[in-house]
C-alpha cells in the first residue's frame, strides 16, 4: 500500500475517532449562575415596611337643591291641555320637563283638549259620509233606482268612468276632513285651576321663559330659595 492509499484510509478513520471522543468525552462544566435571588432579598430587607393609608371618608357636597327640605312647586298643580291630533304632544312633554326642573316638586298633568261639540259631531259623521260615497260609486246602478232616481244622473257616470281615482279622492278628502274636525288647535296652561296662557287667544305657543315667569308669579316669589331662581 503506497502512501496515498494509506492517507486516504487513515484520514477518515482519524476523523471518526475524533468524533467518538468528542461525543462520549466529559463535557465542560456549566458556567456558574449569578445568585440574583439573594441580592434581591437583600434589597427587599432594606425597603421600609409599607405604611397603611389613612381611611378617607367621602364627603357629600351640599348643593342648593339638596339643602331644600321641600321643593318650590310642592302643593301646586299645572295642567297643560293640548290638541293631541295636532301633534302638540312633543311640545307639551318638553314644557312639562322644563317646569319639573325649574319648580321641583310641582305636579304637571297633560291632557287632551277636545274640540267644540259641533266639530265633534261632524267628525263622527265624516266616516259615514265617506263610506256612503264609496258605496254609491261602486253600486250606484242599484242604489239610485231604489231612491226613485232613474236613470242615474250624468255626473254619476262621469265619476264612475274613473272609479279608482274617484274612490281614492273620496278616501283622502274624508280623512282630511275628519282630522280637521277632531283638532282643536289648543295649548292651554292652567296653574291650580287658573288659566295663565291660552293659545286659542294668543294664536301662538308660550315661550319657556315666558311660561316660567308666569308660573313664578302665580306660585309666589317668597318661595324662591336664596333669590337665585331666575339667575
Protein backbone atom coordinates (compact mmCIF):
# COMPACT_ATOMS: atom_id res chain seq x y z
CA UNK A 1 0.00 0.00 0.00
CA UNK A 2 1.56 3.27 -1.04
CA UNK A 3 1.40 6.48 0.89
CA UNK A 4 -1.58 7.94 -0.98
CA UNK A 5 -3.79 4.96 -0.22
CA UNK A 6 -2.65 4.99 3.40
CA UNK A 7 -3.56 8.66 3.69
CA UNK A 8 -6.99 8.15 2.14
CA UNK A 9 -7.79 5.32 4.55
CA UNK A 10 -6.26 6.79 7.68
CA UNK A 11 -7.81 10.25 7.43
CA UNK A 12 -11.46 9.08 7.67
CA UNK A 13 -10.51 6.73 10.50
CA UNK A 14 -8.87 9.58 12.36
CA UNK A 15 -11.88 11.83 11.92
CA UNK A 16 -14.23 9.07 13.09
CA UNK A 17 -12.19 8.50 16.23
CA UNK A 18 -12.16 12.24 16.95
CA UNK A 19 -15.95 12.47 16.70
CA UNK A 20 -16.38 9.48 19.03
CA UNK A 21 -14.07 11.03 21.64
CA UNK A 22 -15.93 14.38 21.46
CA UNK A 23 -19.32 12.66 21.79
CA UNK A 24 -18.54 10.47 24.78
CA UNK A 25 -15.92 12.62 26.39
CA UNK A 26 -16.52 14.71 29.51
CA UNK A 27 -18.46 17.89 28.92
CA UNK A 28 -17.18 21.18 30.24
CA UNK A 29 -18.84 22.30 33.47
CA UNK A 30 -21.68 24.82 33.03
CA UNK A 31 -20.97 28.44 33.94
CA UNK A 32 -21.81 29.47 37.44
CA UNK A 33 -25.11 31.27 37.71
CA UNK A 34 -25.14 34.63 39.35
CA UNK A 35 -27.15 34.49 42.57
CA UNK A 36 -29.57 37.35 41.98
CA UNK A 37 -32.05 35.86 44.42
CA UNK A 38 -30.00 36.67 47.49
CA UNK A 39 -29.25 40.10 46.16
CA UNK A 40 -32.97 40.70 45.57
CA UNK A 41 -33.77 39.57 49.09
CA UNK A 42 -31.14 41.94 50.36
CA UNK A 43 -32.91 44.84 48.69
CA UNK A 44 -36.21 43.64 50.00
CA UNK A 45 -34.94 43.75 53.56
CA UNK A 46 -33.78 47.30 53.03
CA UNK A 47 -37.23 48.52 51.93
CA UNK A 48 -39.24 50.11 54.71
CA UNK A 49 -42.50 48.42 55.64
CA UNK A 50 -45.49 49.80 53.74
CA UNK A 51 -47.47 52.30 55.66
CA UNK A 52 -51.22 51.93 55.85
CA UNK A 53 -53.14 54.68 54.12
CA UNK A 54 -55.40 56.68 56.35
CA UNK A 55 -59.05 55.98 55.68
CA UNK A 56 -60.71 58.84 53.87
CA UNK A 57 -64.43 59.22 54.32
CA UNK A 58 -66.26 60.59 51.28
CA UNK A 59 -67.86 63.93 51.84
CA UNK A 60 -71.01 64.93 50.04
CA UNK A 61 -71.29 68.40 48.60
CA UNK A 62 -74.34 70.27 49.71
CA UNK A 63 -75.94 71.78 46.65
CA UNK A 64 -78.86 74.17 46.95
CA UNK A 65 -81.24 71.52 45.63
CA UNK A 66 -80.11 69.12 48.38
CA UNK A 67 -80.47 71.70 51.09
CA UNK A 68 -84.13 72.23 50.29
CA UNK A 69 -86.37 70.34 52.59
CA UNK A 70 -89.34 70.93 50.30
CA UNK A 71 -89.46 71.66 46.57
CA UNK A 72 -90.55 75.04 45.29
CA UNK A 73 -93.53 73.63 43.46
CA UNK A 74 -94.81 71.31 46.20
CA UNK A 75 -98.55 71.70 46.58
CA UNK A 76 -99.09 73.27 43.16
CA UNK A 77 -100.56 71.64 40.05
CA UNK A 78 -100.02 72.72 36.46
CA UNK A 79 -102.38 71.47 33.78
CA UNK A 80 -101.42 71.54 30.10
CA UNK A 81 -104.36 70.79 27.81
CA UNK A 82 -103.21 70.39 24.23
CA UNK A 83 -104.54 69.20 20.89
CA UNK A 84 -103.36 65.60 20.54
CA UNK A 85 -104.42 65.32 16.89
CA UNK A 86 -102.32 68.43 16.06
CA UNK A 87 -99.02 66.77 17.02
CA UNK A 88 -98.60 69.06 20.05
CA UNK A 89 -97.64 66.21 22.36
CA UNK A 90 -93.89 66.71 21.89
CA UNK A 91 -94.17 70.41 22.82
CA UNK A 92 -96.27 69.57 25.88
CA UNK A 93 -93.73 66.98 27.11
CA UNK A 94 -90.87 69.46 26.63
CA UNK A 95 -92.73 72.08 28.67
CA UNK A 96 -93.52 69.50 31.34
CA UNK A 97 -89.84 68.54 31.72
CA UNK A 98 -88.80 72.20 31.89
CA UNK A 99 -91.33 73.03 34.61
CA UNK A 100 -90.40 69.99 36.69
CA UNK A 101 -86.73 71.04 36.58
CA UNK A 102 -87.38 74.69 37.38
CA UNK A 103 -90.01 74.05 40.06
CA UNK A 104 -89.04 70.88 41.99
CA UNK A 105 -91.99 69.04 43.43
CA UNK A 106 -94.58 70.57 41.09
CA UNK A 107 -97.27 68.32 39.64
CA UNK A 108 -97.63 68.72 35.86
CA UNK A 109 -100.58 66.97 34.24
CA UNK A 110 -101.08 66.58 30.47
CA UNK A 111 -104.49 66.11 28.89
CA UNK A 112 -106.17 66.31 25.51
CA UNK A 113 -108.18 69.44 24.76
CA UNK A 114 -111.29 68.26 22.87
CA UNK A 115 -112.80 70.26 20.01
CA UNK A 116 -116.14 72.02 20.27
CA UNK A 117 -119.30 69.85 20.35
CA UNK A 118 -120.37 70.72 16.76
CA UNK A 119 -116.98 69.73 15.39
CA UNK A 120 -117.04 66.51 17.40
CA UNK A 121 -120.47 65.67 15.97
CA UNK A 122 -119.33 66.34 12.42
CA UNK A 123 -116.18 64.26 12.96
CA UNK A 124 -118.43 61.31 13.84
CA UNK A 125 -120.47 61.77 10.66
CA UNK A 126 -117.46 62.13 8.36
CA UNK A 127 -116.64 58.38 8.20
CA UNK A 128 -120.32 57.57 7.50
CA UNK A 129 -120.42 60.02 4.57
CA UNK A 130 -117.08 58.67 3.34
CA UNK A 131 -118.28 55.05 3.25
CA UNK A 132 -121.62 56.05 1.72
CA UNK A 133 -119.93 57.93 -1.12
CA UNK A 134 -117.70 54.96 -1.92
CA UNK A 135 -120.70 52.61 -1.90
CA UNK A 136 -122.58 54.97 -4.21
CA UNK A 137 -119.77 54.97 -6.76
CA UNK A 138 -119.48 51.17 -6.66
CA UNK A 139 -123.19 50.21 -6.65
CA UNK A 140 -124.94 53.34 -7.93
CA UNK A 141 -126.83 51.40 -10.61
CA UNK A 142 -128.80 49.64 -7.87
CA UNK A 143 -128.94 52.46 -5.30
CA UNK A 144 -130.35 55.27 -7.48
CA UNK A 145 -133.40 53.25 -8.72
CA UNK A 146 -134.29 52.37 -5.14
CA UNK A 147 -134.13 56.07 -4.30
CA UNK A 148 -136.52 56.84 -7.12
CA UNK A 149 -133.89 58.30 -9.40
CA UNK A 150 -133.92 56.50 -12.72
CA UNK A 151 -131.83 56.76 -14.72
CA UNK A 152 -128.88 57.86 -12.55
CA UNK A 153 -127.69 61.45 -13.04
CA UNK A 154 -124.98 62.17 -15.63
CA UNK A 155 -122.34 63.14 -13.02
CA UNK A 156 -122.54 59.59 -11.66
CA UNK A 157 -121.37 58.14 -14.96
CA UNK A 158 -118.61 60.73 -15.13
CA UNK A 159 -117.29 59.74 -11.70
CA UNK A 160 -117.75 56.04 -12.39
CA UNK A 161 -115.68 56.29 -15.57
CA UNK A 162 -112.66 56.92 -13.31
CA UNK A 163 -113.78 54.71 -10.46
CA UNK A 164 -110.42 54.14 -8.74
CA UNK A 165 -109.42 57.81 -8.91
CA UNK A 166 -112.79 58.90 -7.51
CA UNK A 167 -112.66 56.42 -4.62
CA UNK A 168 -109.10 57.50 -3.75
CA UNK A 169 -110.11 61.16 -3.75
CA UNK A 170 -113.13 60.45 -1.52
CA UNK A 171 -110.97 58.50 0.93
CA UNK A 172 -108.28 61.16 1.15
CA UNK A 173 -110.76 64.02 1.47
CA UNK A 174 -112.71 62.13 4.14
CA UNK A 175 -109.59 61.51 6.22
CA UNK A 176 -108.54 65.15 5.93
CA UNK A 177 -111.99 66.38 6.96
CA UNK A 178 -112.11 64.01 9.93
CA UNK A 179 -108.65 65.09 11.14
CA UNK A 180 -109.60 68.76 10.79
CA UNK A 181 -112.84 68.31 12.72
CA UNK A 182 -111.10 66.43 15.55
CA UNK A 183 -108.40 69.08 16.04
CA UNK A 184 -108.90 71.97 18.43
CA UNK A 185 -105.58 73.81 17.98
CA UNK A 186 -105.41 74.38 21.71
CA UNK A 187 -102.44 74.64 24.06
CA UNK A 188 -103.88 75.86 27.35
CA UNK A 189 -101.85 76.15 30.56
CA UNK A 190 -103.51 76.19 33.99
CA UNK A 191 -101.93 76.78 37.39
CA UNK A 192 -104.01 75.46 40.28
CA UNK A 193 -107.07 75.57 38.05
CA UNK A 194 -106.50 79.14 36.82
CA UNK A 195 -105.79 79.80 33.15
CA UNK A 196 -102.44 81.57 32.69
CA UNK A 197 -101.90 81.10 28.95
CA UNK A 198 -104.20 80.25 26.05
CA UNK A 199 -103.04 79.51 22.53
CA UNK A 200 -106.61 79.90 21.33
CA UNK A 201 -106.47 83.55 22.41
CA UNK A 202 -102.84 84.38 21.71
CA UNK A 203 -102.62 82.33 18.47
CA UNK A 204 -99.09 81.21 19.41
CA UNK A 205 -97.21 78.87 21.72
CA UNK A 206 -95.77 80.14 25.01
CA UNK A 207 -92.01 80.54 25.31
CA UNK A 208 -90.17 78.66 28.02
CA UNK A 209 -89.01 81.86 29.77
CA UNK A 210 -92.49 83.34 29.45
CA UNK A 211 -94.15 80.27 30.92
CA UNK A 212 -91.58 80.09 33.71
CA UNK A 213 -92.23 83.72 34.66
CA UNK A 214 -95.99 83.22 34.61
CA UNK A 215 -95.75 80.25 36.95
CA UNK A 216 -93.27 82.08 39.21
CA UNK A 217 -95.71 84.93 39.67
CA UNK A 218 -98.53 82.55 40.50
CA UNK A 219 -96.52 80.44 42.93
CA UNK A 220 -95.04 83.48 44.64
CA UNK A 221 -91.54 84.88 44.83
CA UNK A 222 -91.46 84.27 48.59
CA UNK A 223 -90.98 80.55 47.96
CA UNK A 224 -87.90 81.02 45.78
CA UNK A 225 -84.84 79.82 47.71
CA UNK A 226 -81.95 82.32 48.03
CA UNK A 227 -83.43 84.51 45.31
CA UNK A 228 -81.43 82.64 42.64
CA UNK A 229 -84.28 81.10 40.73
CA UNK A 230 -84.04 83.34 37.70
CA UNK A 231 -80.26 83.68 37.60
